[in-house]
Amino acid sequence: MMQRFAWFAVACALWIAPATAQTPFTPRDESPEDFVAGTGRNEAFYACTACHGFRLVAQQGMTRAQWEDSISLMVRRHGMPPLDEKDRETVLNYLETAYPPRAPAGRGGWVNPFAK
């Protein structure tokens, strides 16, 4: 009985494994049109959503150099297919323009009226 259960468990694991393998990820609730319009939006959206939601990207706000480092990191550490030079330039131009660095969160321009 125990041997039959073990075989059943192995068979189930082998049957489920392909379904849980990493597959391209595009959240059903996201589309390129949900994000800042601009040249390269579709290219950036589909390059990034192969692994994660684009909202994660849109939350970042980085300089061009930081975006370049981020793409390089994704290629080097996370298996992102390298973008050819033209696509990389298009994606970087979009990200730099659409999601530049933001002001730090916090007081947002609050001025101390007692400061001299």
N, C-alpha and C. Protein backbone atom coordinates (compact mmCIF):
# COMPACT_ATOMS: atom_id res chain seq x y z
N MET A 1 0.83 -1.19 0.00
CA MET A 1 0.00 0.00 0.00
C MET A 1 0.87 1.26 0.00
N MET A 2 1.90 1.28 0.85
CA MET A 2 2.76 2.44 0.94
C MET A 2 3.52 2.65 -0.37
N GLN A 3 3.94 1.55 -1.00
CA GLN A 3 4.67 1.66 -2.26
C GLN A 3 3.76 2.24 -3.35
N ARG A 4 2.51 1.83 -3.36
CA ARG A 4 1.55 2.36 -4.34
C ARG A 4 1.35 3.86 -4.12
N PHE A 5 1.27 4.28 -2.87
CA PHE A 5 1.11 5.70 -2.56
C PHE A 5 2.33 6.49 -3.02
N ALA A 6 3.52 5.95 -2.80
CA ALA A 6 4.75 6.63 -3.22
C ALA A 6 4.77 6.80 -4.73
N TRP A 7 4.39 5.75 -5.47
CA TRP A 7 4.33 5.86 -6.93
C TRP A 7 3.30 6.88 -7.38
N PHE A 8 2.19 6.90 -6.69
CA PHE A 8 1.14 7.87 -7.01
C PHE A 8 1.63 9.30 -6.77
N ALA A 9 2.35 9.52 -5.67
CA ALA A 9 2.88 10.84 -5.35
C ALA A 9 3.89 11.28 -6.41
N VAL A 10 4.76 10.37 -6.82
CA VAL A 10 5.75 10.69 -7.85
C VAL A 10 5.05 11.01 -9.17
N ALA A 11 4.06 10.21 -9.53
CA ALA A 11 3.33 10.44 -10.78
C ALA A 11 2.63 11.80 -10.76
N CYS A 12 2.05 12.15 -9.63
CA CYS A 12 1.38 13.46 -9.50
C CYS A 12 2.39 14.59 -9.63
N ALA A 13 3.53 14.44 -8.99
CA ALA A 13 4.55 15.48 -9.05
C ALA A 13 5.04 15.68 -10.48
N LEU A 14 5.23 14.58 -11.20
CA LEU A 14 5.68 14.68 -12.59
C LEU A 14 4.59 15.28 -13.48
N TRP A 15 3.36 15.03 -13.17
CA TRP A 15 2.25 15.56 -13.95
C TRP A 15 2.08 17.06 -13.69
N ILE A 16 2.28 17.49 -12.45
CA ILE A 16 2.08 18.89 -12.07
C ILE A 16 3.29 19.75 -12.45
N ALA A 17 4.49 19.20 -12.42
CA ALA A 17 5.71 19.99 -12.66
C ALA A 17 5.67 20.83 -13.92
N PRO A 18 5.27 20.29 -15.08
CA PRO A 18 5.25 21.15 -16.27
C PRO A 18 4.29 22.34 -16.13
N ALA A 19 3.22 22.15 -15.42
CA ALA A 19 2.25 23.23 -15.24
C ALA A 19 2.79 24.34 -14.35
N THR A 20 3.71 24.00 -13.46
CA THR A 20 4.24 25.01 -12.55
C THR A 20 5.60 25.53 -12.99
N ALA A 21 6.13 25.02 -14.08
CA ALA A 21 7.42 25.52 -14.58
C ALA A 21 7.27 26.98 -14.96
N GLN A 22 8.37 27.70 -14.91
CA GLN A 22 8.31 29.13 -15.23
C GLN A 22 7.91 29.31 -16.69
N THR A 23 6.85 30.03 -16.88
CA THR A 23 6.36 30.32 -18.21
C THR A 23 6.29 31.83 -18.36
N PRO A 24 6.20 32.32 -19.58
CA PRO A 24 6.08 33.77 -19.74
C PRO A 24 4.92 34.30 -18.92
N PHE A 25 5.16 35.43 -18.29
CA PHE A 25 4.19 36.01 -17.35
C PHE A 25 3.69 37.33 -17.89
N THR A 26 2.43 37.39 -18.20
CA THR A 26 1.80 38.67 -18.53
C THR A 26 0.51 38.71 -17.73
N PRO A 27 0.47 39.56 -16.71
CA PRO A 27 -0.74 39.62 -15.90
C PRO A 27 -1.95 39.94 -16.76
N ARG A 28 -3.02 39.23 -16.51
CA ARG A 28 -4.23 39.43 -17.30
C ARG A 28 -4.85 40.81 -17.06
N ASP A 29 -4.51 41.43 -15.95
CA ASP A 29 -5.10 42.73 -15.65
C ASP A 29 -4.23 43.89 -16.10
N GLU A 30 -3.16 43.62 -16.85
CA GLU A 30 -2.28 44.67 -17.35
C GLU A 30 -2.20 44.61 -18.86
N SER A 31 -2.10 45.77 -19.48
CA SER A 31 -1.84 45.86 -20.91
C SER A 31 -1.00 47.11 -21.13
N PRO A 32 -0.28 47.19 -22.24
CA PRO A 32 0.58 48.36 -22.46
C PRO A 32 -0.19 49.68 -22.35
N GLU A 33 -1.44 49.69 -22.76
CA GLU A 33 -2.24 50.91 -22.73
C GLU A 33 -2.50 51.44 -21.33
N ASP A 34 -2.25 50.63 -20.31
CA ASP A 34 -2.45 51.05 -18.92
C ASP A 34 -1.32 51.96 -18.43
N PHE A 35 -0.25 52.08 -19.21
CA PHE A 35 0.94 52.78 -18.76
C PHE A 35 1.20 54.02 -19.62
N VAL A 36 2.15 54.82 -19.18
CA VAL A 36 2.47 56.08 -19.84
C VAL A 36 2.69 55.85 -21.34
N ALA A 37 1.97 56.63 -22.15
CA ALA A 37 2.10 56.52 -23.60
C ALA A 37 3.47 57.03 -24.02
N GLY A 38 4.03 56.45 -25.04
CA GLY A 38 5.30 56.90 -25.58
C GLY A 38 5.91 55.86 -26.49
N THR A 39 6.84 56.31 -27.29
CA THR A 39 7.57 55.41 -28.18
C THR A 39 8.32 54.39 -27.34
N GLY A 40 8.13 53.13 -27.64
CA GLY A 40 8.81 52.07 -26.92
C GLY A 40 7.99 51.44 -25.80
N ARG A 41 6.77 51.96 -25.58
CA ARG A 41 5.95 51.41 -24.49
C ARG A 41 5.71 49.91 -24.69
N ASN A 42 5.30 49.51 -25.89
CA ASN A 42 5.01 48.09 -26.11
C ASN A 42 6.26 47.23 -25.95
N GLU A 43 7.38 47.69 -26.49
CA GLU A 43 8.61 46.93 -26.38
C GLU A 43 9.02 46.76 -24.91
N ALA A 44 8.95 47.84 -24.14
CA ALA A 44 9.30 47.77 -22.72
C ALA A 44 8.32 46.86 -21.97
N PHE A 45 7.04 47.02 -22.25
CA PHE A 45 6.03 46.22 -21.57
C PHE A 45 6.28 44.73 -21.79
N TYR A 46 6.44 44.32 -23.03
CA TYR A 46 6.58 42.89 -23.31
C TYR A 46 7.94 42.34 -22.92
N ALA A 47 8.99 43.16 -22.94
CA ALA A 47 10.30 42.69 -22.48
C ALA A 47 10.25 42.41 -20.98
N CYS A 48 9.56 43.26 -20.24
CA CYS A 48 9.53 43.14 -18.78
C CYS A 48 8.52 42.11 -18.29
N THR A 49 7.37 42.03 -18.95
CA THR A 49 6.31 41.14 -18.45
C THR A 49 6.54 39.68 -18.80
N ALA A 50 7.65 39.38 -19.43
CA ALA A 50 7.98 37.97 -19.62
C ALA A 50 8.24 37.31 -18.26
N CYS A 51 8.61 38.14 -17.27
CA CYS A 51 8.93 37.59 -15.94
C CYS A 51 8.11 38.16 -14.80
N HIS A 52 7.66 39.40 -14.91
CA HIS A 52 6.92 40.01 -13.80
C HIS A 52 5.97 41.07 -14.32
N GLY A 53 5.10 41.53 -13.45
CA GLY A 53 4.15 42.56 -13.82
C GLY A 53 4.83 43.89 -14.13
N PHE A 54 4.23 44.65 -15.03
CA PHE A 54 4.82 45.92 -15.41
C PHE A 54 4.61 46.97 -14.33
N ARG A 55 3.64 46.79 -13.47
CA ARG A 55 3.44 47.74 -12.37
C ARG A 55 4.70 47.83 -11.51
N LEU A 56 5.38 46.70 -11.37
CA LEU A 56 6.65 46.69 -10.63
C LEU A 56 7.66 47.63 -11.29
N VAL A 57 7.72 47.60 -12.61
CA VAL A 57 8.62 48.48 -13.35
C VAL A 57 8.20 49.93 -13.18
N ALA A 58 6.90 50.19 -13.36
CA ALA A 58 6.38 51.56 -13.31
C ALA A 58 6.56 52.21 -11.94
N GLN A 59 6.72 51.43 -10.91
CA GLN A 59 6.91 51.96 -9.56
C GLN A 59 8.33 52.44 -9.31
N GLN A 60 9.28 52.07 -10.16
CA GLN A 60 10.69 52.29 -9.87
C GLN A 60 11.12 53.74 -9.93
N GLY A 61 11.04 54.38 -11.08
CA GLY A 61 11.53 55.74 -11.21
C GLY A 61 13.04 55.80 -11.05
N MET A 62 13.77 55.64 -12.15
CA MET A 62 15.23 55.61 -12.08
C MET A 62 15.84 56.46 -13.19
N THR A 63 17.12 56.73 -13.04
CA THR A 63 17.88 57.41 -14.09
C THR A 63 18.14 56.42 -15.22
N ARG A 64 18.60 56.92 -16.36
CA ARG A 64 18.92 56.03 -17.47
C ARG A 64 20.00 55.02 -17.06
N ALA A 65 21.01 55.48 -16.35
CA ALA A 65 22.07 54.57 -15.91
C ALA A 65 21.52 53.47 -15.00
N GLN A 66 20.59 53.83 -14.13
CA GLN A 66 19.98 52.84 -13.24
C GLN A 66 19.12 51.86 -14.04
N TRP A 67 18.39 52.36 -15.04
CA TRP A 67 17.60 51.46 -15.89
C TRP A 67 18.53 50.50 -16.64
N GLU A 68 19.66 51.03 -17.14
CA GLU A 68 20.62 50.16 -17.83
C GLU A 68 21.15 49.08 -16.90
N ASP A 69 21.50 49.47 -15.68
CA ASP A 69 21.99 48.51 -14.70
C ASP A 69 20.92 47.46 -14.38
N SER A 70 19.68 47.90 -14.28
CA SER A 70 18.58 47.00 -13.97
C SER A 70 18.40 45.96 -15.08
N ILE A 71 18.44 46.40 -16.32
CA ILE A 71 18.30 45.47 -17.45
C ILE A 71 19.48 44.50 -17.46
N SER A 72 20.68 45.01 -17.25
CA SER A 72 21.87 44.15 -17.22
C SER A 72 21.76 43.10 -16.11
N LEU A 73 21.25 43.52 -14.95
CA LEU A 73 21.06 42.59 -13.84
C LEU A 73 20.05 41.51 -14.20
N MET A 74 18.95 41.91 -14.85
CA MET A 74 17.93 40.93 -15.24
C MET A 74 18.50 39.90 -16.21
N VAL A 75 19.35 40.35 -17.12
CA VAL A 75 19.97 39.44 -18.08
C VAL A 75 20.97 38.52 -17.36
N ARG A 76 21.82 39.12 -16.55
CA ARG A 76 22.90 38.38 -15.90
C ARG A 76 22.41 37.40 -14.84
N ARG A 77 21.50 37.84 -14.00
CA ARG A 77 21.09 37.02 -12.85
C ARG A 77 19.78 36.27 -13.02
N HIS A 78 18.90 36.79 -13.86
CA HIS A 78 17.55 36.22 -13.89
C HIS A 78 17.16 35.61 -15.23
N GLY A 79 18.12 35.50 -16.13
CA GLY A 79 17.86 34.79 -17.38
C GLY A 79 17.04 35.54 -18.41
N MET A 80 16.95 36.86 -18.27
CA MET A 80 16.24 37.63 -19.30
C MET A 80 17.02 37.53 -20.60
N PRO A 81 16.35 37.24 -21.70
CA PRO A 81 17.07 37.22 -22.98
C PRO A 81 17.61 38.62 -23.28
N PRO A 82 18.88 38.73 -23.66
CA PRO A 82 19.42 40.05 -23.97
C PRO A 82 18.66 40.70 -25.12
N LEU A 83 18.46 42.00 -24.99
CA LEU A 83 17.80 42.76 -26.06
C LEU A 83 18.85 43.13 -27.09
N ASP A 84 18.47 43.09 -28.37
CA ASP A 84 19.44 43.56 -29.36
C ASP A 84 19.61 45.07 -29.16
N GLU A 85 20.65 45.61 -29.74
CA GLU A 85 21.03 47.01 -29.47
C GLU A 85 19.88 47.98 -29.75
N LYS A 86 19.17 47.79 -30.84
CA LYS A 86 18.07 48.69 -31.21
C LYS A 86 16.93 48.61 -30.18
N ASP A 87 16.53 47.38 -29.82
CA ASP A 87 15.46 47.22 -28.84
C ASP A 87 15.87 47.73 -27.46
N ARG A 88 17.11 47.48 -27.09
CA ARG A 88 17.60 47.97 -25.79
C ARG A 88 17.52 49.49 -25.74
N GLU A 89 17.94 50.14 -26.80
CA GLU A 89 17.90 51.61 -26.87
C GLU A 89 16.44 52.10 -26.78
N THR A 90 15.54 51.44 -27.50
CA THR A 90 14.12 51.82 -27.48
C THR A 90 13.54 51.67 -26.08
N VAL A 91 13.82 50.55 -25.43
CA VAL A 91 13.30 50.29 -24.08
C VAL A 91 13.89 51.30 -23.09
N LEU A 92 15.18 51.53 -23.17
CA LEU A 92 15.81 52.49 -22.26
C LEU A 92 15.27 53.91 -22.46
N ASN A 93 15.09 54.31 -23.71
CA ASN A 93 14.53 55.64 -23.98
C ASN A 93 13.15 55.77 -23.36
N TYR A 94 12.32 54.74 -23.51
CA TYR A 94 10.97 54.77 -22.93
C TYR A 94 11.04 54.85 -21.41
N LEU A 95 11.79 53.95 -20.79
CA LEU A 95 11.84 53.91 -19.32
C LEU A 95 12.40 55.20 -18.74
N GLU A 96 13.43 55.74 -19.37
CA GLU A 96 14.04 56.98 -18.89
C GLU A 96 13.04 58.14 -18.96
N THR A 97 12.25 58.18 -20.02
CA THR A 97 11.29 59.26 -20.22
C THR A 97 10.03 59.07 -19.38
N ALA A 98 9.50 57.85 -19.39
CA ALA A 98 8.22 57.58 -18.73
C ALA A 98 8.34 57.42 -17.22
N TYR A 99 9.46 56.91 -16.74
CA TYR A 99 9.62 56.62 -15.32
C TYR A 99 10.96 57.14 -14.79
N PRO A 100 11.13 58.48 -14.82
CA PRO A 100 12.38 59.08 -14.30
C PRO A 100 12.38 59.05 -12.78
N PRO A 101 13.50 59.40 -12.17
CA PRO A 101 13.55 59.44 -10.71
C PRO A 101 12.49 60.40 -10.16
N ARG A 102 11.92 60.01 -9.04
CA ARG A 102 10.92 60.85 -8.38
C ARG A 102 11.53 61.51 -7.16
N ALA A 103 10.87 62.57 -6.73
CA ALA A 103 11.29 63.22 -5.48
C ALA A 103 11.07 62.23 -4.35
N PRO A 104 11.93 62.25 -3.35
CA PRO A 104 11.75 61.34 -2.22
C PRO A 104 10.40 61.54 -1.56
N ALA A 105 9.82 60.45 -1.12
CA ALA A 105 8.54 60.52 -0.42
C ALA A 105 8.77 61.20 0.93
N GLY A 106 7.75 61.79 1.43
CA GLY A 106 7.87 62.43 2.74
C GLY A 106 7.12 63.73 2.78
N ARG A 107 7.81 64.76 3.15
CA ARG A 107 7.15 66.04 3.38
C ARG A 107 6.76 66.74 2.09
N GLY A 108 7.33 66.36 0.98
CA GLY A 108 6.92 66.88 -0.31
C GLY A 108 6.88 68.39 -0.43
N GLY A 109 7.96 69.03 -0.16
CA GLY A 109 8.01 70.47 -0.35
C GLY A 109 7.59 71.27 0.86
N TRP A 110 7.33 70.61 1.96
CA TRP A 110 6.94 71.31 3.17
C TRP A 110 8.10 72.19 3.61
N VAL A 111 7.82 73.39 3.94
CA VAL A 111 8.83 74.35 4.39
C VAL A 111 8.55 74.71 5.83
N ASN A 112 9.56 74.62 6.66
CA ASN A 112 9.43 74.99 8.06
C ASN A 112 9.34 76.50 8.16
N PRO A 113 8.21 77.04 8.60
CA PRO A 113 8.06 78.48 8.66
C PRO A 113 8.96 79.14 9.71
N PHE A 114 9.53 78.36 10.61
CA PHE A 114 10.38 78.89 11.66
C PHE A 114 11.87 78.82 11.31
N ALA A 115 12.19 78.18 10.18
CA ALA A 115 13.59 78.07 9.79
C ALA A 115 14.09 79.42 9.28
N LYS A 116 15.34 79.72 9.54
CA LYS A 116 15.90 81.00 9.08
C LYS A 116 16.75 80.78 7.89
